[in-house]
Amino acid sequence: MYTESIEDYLKAIYEIQKENGKVSTNSLSEMLSVAPASATGMIKKLSEKKLVTHKRYQGVKLTKAGQKISLEIIRHHRLIELYLAEALGVPWDQVHEEAEKWEHVLSEDLEDRMDAALGYPTRDPHGSPIPSRDGTILELDSIPLADLRAGQSAVVDEVSDHDPDLLRYVGKMGLYPKTKFKVLSIEPFNGPIKIKVEKSEHILGPGAAQYVFVTDIKGSKSEASQ
């Protein structure tokens, strides 16, 4: 049994490692809003427990034991998010904060019951994969919406849940997982992106488009003039 603090660090290391490949003390302290000295102290503790390895200039890496714990916490978190959304009707921009409070105290029995009640889901409300009970996780093959070109169509695969305002912003446009849309135009110099969702047109900021991940991409730039 590990403390909530240890579990939070392991989860954060996994998330940074997945996104950037390298986990520095500074990136970890920024994500967890702690002083670099506190992060350094915890990294040393995790290393002593053989949950991470830490080499100078190479950053922090999870060991197999550390990754197993991190994926278990992520599984709890995402199952709770889906349960809150589907069973209790909690908006998708609010489930993340609530799940942060529950993820450390969810028992294995309740985890199994929740999993069964939801029909053994593989994705959370934001499209993020839910790790399996045996510690495996689906690797998504998607790209940011910001990388699309005018004339292309795609399907929303996942939306980052790091910012509730972002979720409300894209939610108003209907950009939920499995939603089909088309890029109508893109203003030059990293300008706004005009998209069409069903029969409605919306303007999406390029900053937000970096956090909407898409798949099933069709069409090409040449279609924009048709």
C-alpha atoms as a PDB file:
ATOM      1  CA  MET A   1       0.000   0.000   0.000  1.00  0.00           C
ATOM      2  CA  TYR A   2       1.407   3.357  -1.012  1.00  0.00           C
ATOM      3  CA  THR A   3       0.556   6.893   0.047  1.00  0.00           C
ATOM      4  CA  GLU A   4      -1.570   9.173  -2.133  1.00  0.00           C
ATOM      5  CA  SER A   5       1.480  11.343  -2.709  1.00  0.00           C
ATOM      6  CA  ILE A   6       3.503   8.440  -4.091  1.00  0.00           C
ATOM      7  CA  GLU A   7       0.634   7.404  -6.342  1.00  0.00           C
ATOM      8  CA  ASP A   8       0.222  10.977  -7.603  1.00  0.00           C
ATOM      9  CA  TYR A   9       3.905  11.166  -8.483  1.00  0.00           C
ATOM     10  CA  LEU A  10       3.866   7.827 -10.290  1.00  0.00           C
ATOM     11  CA  LYS A  11       0.802   8.836 -12.296  1.00  0.00           C
ATOM     12  CA  ALA A  12       2.367  12.182 -13.190  1.00  0.00           C
ATOM     13  CA  ILE A  13       5.614  10.506 -14.266  1.00  0.00           C
ATOM     14  CA  TYR A  14       3.659   8.145 -16.520  1.00  0.00           C
ATOM     15  CA  GLU A  15       1.732  10.995 -18.132  1.00  0.00           C
ATOM     16  CA  ILE A  16       4.818  13.154 -18.750  1.00  0.00           C
ATOM     17  CA  GLN A  17       6.796  10.140 -19.973  1.00  0.00           C
ATOM     18  CA  LYS A  18       4.049   9.316 -22.464  1.00  0.00           C
ATOM     19  CA  GLU A  19       3.823  12.873 -23.778  1.00  0.00           C
ATOM     20  CA  ASN A  20       7.463  13.950 -23.799  1.00  0.00           C
ATOM     21  CA  GLY A  21       9.492  10.775 -23.410  1.00  0.00           C
ATOM     22  CA  LYS A  22      11.731  12.415 -20.822  1.00  0.00           C
ATOM     23  CA  VAL A  23      10.663  13.336 -17.298  1.00  0.00           C
ATOM     24  CA  SER A  24      12.680  16.089 -15.671  1.00  0.00           C
ATOM     25  CA  THR A  25      12.453  17.245 -12.079  1.00  0.00           C
ATOM     26  CA  ASN A  26      11.161  20.619 -13.272  1.00  0.00           C
ATOM     27  CA  SER A  27       8.405  19.149 -15.457  1.00  0.00           C
ATOM     28  CA  LEU A  28       7.311  16.963 -12.558  1.00  0.00           C
ATOM     29  CA  SER A  29       7.260  19.842 -10.062  1.00  0.00           C
ATOM     30  CA  GLU A  30       5.278  21.974 -12.526  1.00  0.00           C
ATOM     31  CA  MET A  31       2.649  19.290 -13.160  1.00  0.00           C
ATOM     32  CA  LEU A  32       2.167  18.630  -9.448  1.00  0.00           C
ATOM     33  CA  SER A  33       2.550  22.279  -8.379  1.00  0.00           C
ATOM     34  CA  VAL A  34       5.286  21.482  -5.860  1.00  0.00           C
ATOM     35  CA  ALA A  35       8.727  22.954  -5.257  1.00  0.00           C
ATOM     36  CA  PRO A  36      11.604  21.368  -7.245  1.00  0.00           C
ATOM     37  CA  ALA A  37      13.234  20.404  -3.937  1.00  0.00           C
ATOM     38  CA  SER A  38      10.100  18.456  -2.948  1.00  0.00           C
ATOM     39  CA  ALA A  39      10.070  16.669  -6.304  1.00  0.00           C
ATOM     40  CA  THR A  40      13.766  15.810  -5.921  1.00  0.00           C
ATOM     41  CA  GLY A  41      13.121  14.360  -2.475  1.00  0.00           C
ATOM     42  CA  MET A  42      10.235  12.233  -3.697  1.00  0.00           C
ATOM     43  CA  ILE A  43      12.197  10.985  -6.712  1.00  0.00           C
ATOM     44  CA  LYS A  44      14.891   9.772  -4.325  1.00  0.00           C
ATOM     45  CA  LYS A  45      12.265   8.003  -2.213  1.00  0.00           C
ATOM     46  CA  LEU A  46      10.692   6.371  -5.281  1.00  0.00           C
ATOM     47  CA  SER A  47      14.126   5.265  -6.465  1.00  0.00           C
ATOM     48  CA  GLU A  48      14.839   3.656  -3.093  1.00  0.00           C
ATOM     49  CA  LYS A  49      11.557   1.755  -3.398  1.00  0.00           C
ATOM     50  CA  LYS A  50      12.613   0.654  -6.914  1.00  0.00           C
ATOM     51  CA  LEU A  51       9.570   2.321  -8.479  1.00  0.00           C
ATOM     52  CA  VAL A  52      11.644   4.624 -10.708  1.00  0.00           C
ATOM     53  CA  THR A  53      15.157   4.979 -12.028  1.00  0.00           C
ATOM     54  CA  HIS A  54      16.858   8.360 -12.146  1.00  0.00           C
ATOM     55  CA  LYS A  55      20.008   9.169 -14.043  1.00  0.00           C
ATOM     56  CA  ARG A  56      21.527  12.596 -14.495  1.00  0.00           C
ATOM     57  CA  TYR A  57      20.634  14.164 -17.860  1.00  0.00           C
ATOM     58  CA  GLN A  58      18.333  11.226 -18.660  1.00  0.00           C
ATOM     59  CA  GLY A  59      15.486  12.096 -16.330  1.00  0.00           C
ATOM     60  CA  VAL A  60      13.147   9.843 -14.381  1.00  0.00           C
ATOM     61  CA  LYS A  61      11.754   6.574 -15.728  1.00  0.00           C
ATOM     62  CA  LEU A  62       9.214   4.204 -14.238  1.00  0.00           C
ATOM     63  CA  THR A  63      10.298   0.662 -13.457  1.00  0.00           C
ATOM     64  CA  LYS A  64       7.890  -2.181 -14.239  1.00  0.00           C
ATOM     65  CA  ALA A  65       6.660  -2.026 -10.648  1.00  0.00           C
ATOM     66  CA  GLY A  66       6.192   1.744 -10.858  1.00  0.00           C
ATOM     67  CA  GLN A  67       4.330   1.526 -14.157  1.00  0.00           C
ATOM     68  CA  LYS A  68       2.017  -1.164 -12.789  1.00  0.00           C
ATOM     69  CA  ILE A  69       0.993   1.108  -9.907  1.00  0.00           C
ATOM     70  CA  SER A  70       0.578   4.146 -12.152  1.00  0.00           C
ATOM     71  CA  LEU A  71      -1.662   2.247 -14.587  1.00  0.00           C
ATOM     72  CA  GLU A  72      -3.782   0.934 -11.728  1.00  0.00           C
ATOM     73  CA  ILE A  73      -4.396   4.496 -10.496  1.00  0.00           C
ATOM     74  CA  ILE A  74      -5.135   5.671 -14.033  1.00  0.00           C
ATOM     75  CA  ARG A  75      -7.570   2.754 -14.400  1.00  0.00           C
ATOM     76  CA  HIS A  76      -9.350   3.818 -11.205  1.00  0.00           C
ATOM     77  CA  HIS A  77      -9.432   7.442 -12.362  1.00  0.00           C
ATOM     78  CA  ARG A  78     -10.884   6.764 -15.793  1.00  0.00           C
ATOM     79  CA  LEU A  79     -13.416   4.198 -14.602  1.00  0.00           C
ATOM     80  CA  ILE A  80     -14.632   6.700 -12.019  1.00  0.00           C
ATOM     81  CA  GLU A  81     -14.864   9.436 -14.647  1.00  0.00           C
ATOM     82  CA  LEU A  82     -17.008   7.226 -16.864  1.00  0.00           C
ATOM     83  CA  TYR A  83     -19.180   6.093 -13.970  1.00  0.00           C
ATOM     84  CA  LEU A  84     -19.783   9.689 -12.885  1.00  0.00           C
ATOM     85  CA  ALA A  85     -20.655  10.692 -16.450  1.00  0.00           C
ATOM     86  CA  GLU A  86     -22.853   7.744 -17.399  1.00  0.00           C
ATOM     87  CA  ALA A  87     -24.468   6.702 -14.127  1.00  0.00           C
ATOM     88  CA  LEU A  88     -24.746  10.078 -12.420  1.00  0.00           C
ATOM     89  CA  GLY A  89     -24.863  12.471 -15.362  1.00  0.00           C
ATOM     90  CA  VAL A  90     -21.904  14.569 -14.210  1.00  0.00           C
ATOM     91  CA  PRO A  91     -20.729  16.855 -17.093  1.00  0.00           C
ATOM     92  CA  TRP A  92     -17.511  15.755 -18.784  1.00  0.00           C
ATOM     93  CA  ASP A  93     -15.731  18.940 -17.675  1.00  0.00           C
ATOM     94  CA  GLN A  94     -16.330  18.108 -13.993  1.00  0.00           C
ATOM     95  CA  VAL A  95     -15.545  14.388 -13.753  1.00  0.00           C
ATOM     96  CA  HIS A  96     -11.745  14.785 -13.730  1.00  0.00           C
ATOM     97  CA  GLU A  97     -11.623  16.801 -10.513  1.00  0.00           C
ATOM     98  CA  GLU A  98     -14.024  14.417  -8.768  1.00  0.00           C
ATOM     99  CA  ALA A  99     -12.091  11.354  -9.928  1.00  0.00           C
ATOM    100  CA  GLU A 100      -8.895  12.835  -8.489  1.00  0.00           C
ATOM    101  CA  LYS A 101     -10.490  12.542  -5.036  1.00  0.00           C
ATOM    102  CA  TRP A 102     -11.756   8.963  -5.474  1.00  0.00           C
ATOM    103  CA  GLU A 103      -8.936   7.266  -7.361  1.00  0.00           C
ATOM    104  CA  HIS A 104      -6.810   6.506  -4.276  1.00  0.00           C
ATOM    105  CA  VAL A 105      -9.562   4.919  -2.195  1.00  0.00           C
ATOM    106  CA  LEU A 106     -11.347   2.723  -4.736  1.00  0.00           C
ATOM    107  CA  SER A 107     -11.258  -0.903  -3.567  1.00  0.00           C
ATOM    108  CA  GLU A 108     -10.676  -3.776  -5.994  1.00  0.00           C
ATOM    109  CA  ASP A 109     -14.176  -5.074  -5.308  1.00  0.00           C
ATOM    110  CA  LEU A 110     -15.798  -1.737  -6.121  1.00  0.00           C
ATOM    111  CA  GLU A 111     -13.526  -1.365  -9.139  1.00  0.00           C
ATOM    112  CA  ASP A 112     -14.756  -4.709 -10.491  1.00  0.00           C
ATOM    113  CA  ARG A 113     -18.397  -3.866  -9.793  1.00  0.00           C
ATOM    114  CA  MET A 114     -18.046  -0.475 -11.489  1.00  0.00           C
ATOM    115  CA  ASP A 115     -16.325  -2.074 -14.472  1.00  0.00           C
ATOM    116  CA  ALA A 116     -19.091  -4.656 -14.859  1.00  0.00           C
ATOM    117  CA  ALA A 117     -21.888  -2.105 -14.399  1.00  0.00           C
ATOM    118  CA  LEU A 118     -20.385  -0.018 -17.215  1.00  0.00           C
ATOM    119  CA  GLY A 119     -20.095  -3.025 -19.526  1.00  0.00           C
ATOM    120  CA  TYR A 120     -16.302  -3.410 -19.299  1.00  0.00           C
ATOM    121  CA  PRO A 121     -15.486  -0.149 -21.113  1.00  0.00           C
ATOM    122  CA  THR A 122     -12.206   0.595 -22.870  1.00  0.00           C
ATOM    123  CA  ARG A 123     -12.476   4.424 -23.006  1.00  0.00           C
ATOM    124  CA  ASP A 124     -13.346   7.186 -20.536  1.00  0.00           C
ATOM    125  CA  PRO A 125     -15.699  10.137 -21.343  1.00  0.00           C
ATOM    126  CA  HIS A 126     -12.845  12.036 -23.021  1.00  0.00           C
ATOM    127  CA  GLY A 127     -11.831   9.105 -25.217  1.00  0.00           C
ATOM    128  CA  SER A 128      -8.739   8.216 -23.180  1.00  0.00           C
ATOM    129  CA  PRO A 129      -8.047   4.456 -22.988  1.00  0.00           C
ATOM    130  CA  ILE A 130      -8.825   2.725 -19.706  1.00  0.00           C
ATOM    131  CA  PRO A 131      -5.991   0.373 -18.660  1.00  0.00           C
ATOM    132  CA  SER A 132      -7.042  -3.245 -18.302  1.00  0.00           C
ATOM    133  CA  ARG A 133      -6.978  -5.072 -14.992  1.00  0.00           C
ATOM    134  CA  ASP A 134      -3.746  -6.825 -16.019  1.00  0.00           C
ATOM    135  CA  GLY A 135      -1.946  -3.527 -16.590  1.00  0.00           C
ATOM    136  CA  THR A 136      -2.069  -3.162 -20.371  1.00  0.00           C
ATOM    137  CA  ILE A 137      -3.266  -0.033 -22.127  1.00  0.00           C
ATOM    138  CA  LEU A 138      -4.336   0.717 -25.686  1.00  0.00           C
ATOM    139  CA  GLU A 139      -1.895   2.881 -27.641  1.00  0.00           C
ATOM    140  CA  LEU A 140      -3.867   5.441 -29.639  1.00  0.00           C
ATOM    141  CA  ASP A 141      -2.892   6.213 -33.223  1.00  0.00           C
ATOM    142  CA  SER A 142      -4.261   9.734 -33.456  1.00  0.00           C
ATOM    143  CA  ILE A 143      -2.946  13.220 -34.248  1.00  0.00           C
ATOM    144  CA  PRO A 144      -3.868  16.737 -33.060  1.00  0.00           C
ATOM    145  CA  LEU A 145      -6.682  18.412 -34.963  1.00  0.00           C
ATOM    146  CA  ALA A 146      -4.258  21.308 -35.452  1.00  0.00           C
ATOM    147  CA  ASP A 147      -2.256  19.114 -37.858  1.00  0.00           C
ATOM    148  CA  LEU A 148      -5.148  18.695 -40.312  1.00  0.00           C
ATOM    149  CA  ARG A 149      -5.420  20.601 -43.573  1.00  0.00           C
ATOM    150  CA  ALA A 150      -8.373  22.434 -45.085  1.00  0.00           C
ATOM    151  CA  GLY A 151     -10.680  20.022 -46.870  1.00  0.00           C
ATOM    152  CA  GLN A 152      -9.916  17.068 -44.629  1.00  0.00           C
ATOM    153  CA  SER A 153     -12.511  15.294 -42.512  1.00  0.00           C
ATOM    154  CA  ALA A 154     -11.835  13.238 -39.400  1.00  0.00           C
ATOM    155  CA  VAL A 155     -13.338  11.702 -36.267  1.00  0.00           C
ATOM    156  CA  VAL A 156     -12.584  12.910 -32.748  1.00  0.00           C
ATOM    157  CA  ASP A 157     -10.701  10.181 -30.900  1.00  0.00           C
ATOM    158  CA  GLU A 158      -9.703  11.850 -27.628  1.00  0.00           C
ATOM    159  CA  VAL A 159      -9.858  15.263 -25.944  1.00  0.00           C
ATOM    160  CA  SER A 160      -7.355  16.183 -23.248  1.00  0.00           C
ATOM    161  CA  ASP A 161      -9.011  16.564 -19.846  1.00  0.00           C
ATOM    162  CA  HIS A 162      -6.263  18.782 -18.401  1.00  0.00           C
ATOM    163  CA  ASP A 163      -8.442  21.921 -18.521  1.00  0.00           C
ATOM    164  CA  PRO A 164     -12.190  22.093 -17.729  1.00  0.00           C
ATOM    165  CA  ASP A 165     -12.490  25.345 -19.720  1.00  0.00           C
ATOM    166  CA  LEU A 166     -11.129  23.563 -22.791  1.00  0.00           C
ATOM    167  CA  LEU A 167     -13.683  20.764 -22.390  1.00  0.00           C
ATOM    168  CA  ARG A 168     -16.527  23.274 -22.124  1.00  0.00           C
ATOM    169  CA  TYR A 169     -15.174  25.191 -25.123  1.00  0.00           C
ATOM    170  CA  VAL A 170     -14.960  22.213 -27.493  1.00  0.00           C
ATOM    171  CA  GLY A 171     -18.079  20.653 -25.992  1.00  0.00           C
ATOM    172  CA  LYS A 172     -20.123  23.646 -27.152  1.00  0.00           C
ATOM    173  CA  MET A 173     -18.974  22.807 -30.678  1.00  0.00           C
ATOM    174  CA  GLY A 174     -19.997  19.178 -30.269  1.00  0.00           C
ATOM    175  CA  LEU A 175     -16.420  17.900 -30.524  1.00  0.00           C
ATOM    176  CA  TYR A 176     -16.925  14.797 -28.396  1.00  0.00           C
ATOM    177  CA  PRO A 177     -15.226  11.436 -29.010  1.00  0.00           C
ATOM    178  CA  LYS A 178     -16.586   9.628 -32.116  1.00  0.00           C
ATOM    179  CA  THR A 179     -17.880  12.919 -33.587  1.00  0.00           C
ATOM    180  CA  LYS A 180     -17.283  13.399 -37.314  1.00  0.00           C
ATOM    181  CA  PHE A 181     -16.322  16.856 -38.586  1.00  0.00           C
ATOM    182  CA  LYS A 182     -14.689  18.606 -41.544  1.00  0.00           C
ATOM    183  CA  VAL A 183     -12.060  21.340 -41.701  1.00  0.00           C
ATOM    184  CA  LEU A 184     -13.423  24.079 -43.951  1.00  0.00           C
ATOM    185  CA  SER A 185     -10.552  26.557 -43.804  1.00  0.00           C
ATOM    186  CA  ILE A 186      -7.473  27.547 -41.835  1.00  0.00           C
ATOM    187  CA  GLU A 187      -6.280  31.117 -41.581  1.00  0.00           C
ATOM    188  CA  PRO A 188      -2.562  31.594 -42.323  1.00  0.00           C
ATOM    189  CA  PHE A 189       0.161  32.135 -39.732  1.00  0.00           C
ATOM    190  CA  ASN A 190      -1.319  29.717 -37.205  1.00  0.00           C
ATOM    191  CA  GLY A 191      -4.720  31.370 -37.419  1.00  0.00           C
ATOM    192  CA  PRO A 192      -8.206  30.155 -36.470  1.00  0.00           C
ATOM    193  CA  ILE A 193      -9.600  26.926 -37.903  1.00  0.00           C
ATOM    194  CA  LYS A 194     -13.124  26.826 -39.311  1.00  0.00           C
ATOM    195  CA  ILE A 195     -14.786  23.431 -38.914  1.00  0.00           C
ATOM    196  CA  LYS A 196     -18.193  21.947 -39.682  1.00  0.00           C
ATOM    197  CA  VAL A 197     -19.834  19.597 -37.190  1.00  0.00           C
ATOM    198  CA  GLU A 198     -23.035  18.144 -38.650  1.00  0.00           C
ATOM    199  CA  LYS A 199     -24.768  21.264 -40.043  1.00  0.00           C
ATOM    200  CA  SER A 200     -23.085  23.831 -37.802  1.00  0.00           C
ATOM    201  CA  GLU A 201     -19.892  25.793 -38.484  1.00  0.00           C
ATOM    202  CA  HIS A 202     -17.512  26.805 -35.702  1.00  0.00           C
ATOM    203  CA  ILE A 203     -14.241  28.673 -35.292  1.00  0.00           C
ATOM    204  CA  LEU A 204     -11.663  26.737 -33.278  1.00  0.00           C
ATOM    205  CA  GLY A 205      -8.554  28.381 -31.841  1.00  0.00           C
ATOM    206  CA  PRO A 206      -5.252  26.695 -32.816  1.00  0.00           C
ATOM    207  CA  GLY A 207      -4.240  26.402 -29.162  1.00  0.00           C
ATOM    208  CA  ALA A 208      -7.330  24.335 -28.360  1.00  0.00           C
ATOM    209  CA  ALA A 209      -6.931  22.296 -31.561  1.00  0.00           C
ATOM    210  CA  GLN A 210      -3.636  20.937 -30.182  1.00  0.00           C
ATOM    211  CA  TYR A 211      -5.580  19.103 -27.469  1.00  0.00           C
ATOM    212  CA  VAL A 212      -8.250  17.526 -29.682  1.00  0.00           C
ATOM    213  CA  PHE A 213      -6.890  14.287 -31.123  1.00  0.00           C
ATOM    214  CA  VAL A 214      -8.402  12.802 -34.260  1.00  0.00           C
ATOM    215  CA  THR A 215      -8.367   9.669 -36.374  1.00  0.00           C
ATOM    216  CA  ASP A 216      -9.992   8.233 -39.518  1.00  0.00           C
ATOM    217  CA  ILE A 217      -8.664  11.161 -41.571  1.00  0.00           C
ATOM    218  CA  LYS A 218      -9.962  11.490 -45.107  1.00  0.00           C
ATOM    219  CA  GLY A 219      -9.599  13.931 -47.967  1.00  0.00           C
ATOM    220  CA  SER A 220      -6.863  16.342 -48.920  1.00  0.00           C
ATOM    221  CA  LYS A 221      -6.139  19.998 -49.226  1.00  0.00           C
ATOM    222  CA  SER A 222      -7.354  20.034 -52.802  1.00  0.00           C
ATOM    223  CA  GLU A 223     -10.906  19.284 -51.651  1.00  0.00           C
ATOM    224  CA  ALA A 224     -11.132  22.670 -49.950  1.00  0.00           C
ATOM    225  CA  SER A 225     -11.642  24.380 -53.303  1.00  0.00           C
ATOM    226  CA  GLN A 226     -14.366  22.013 -54.464  1.00  0.00           C
END
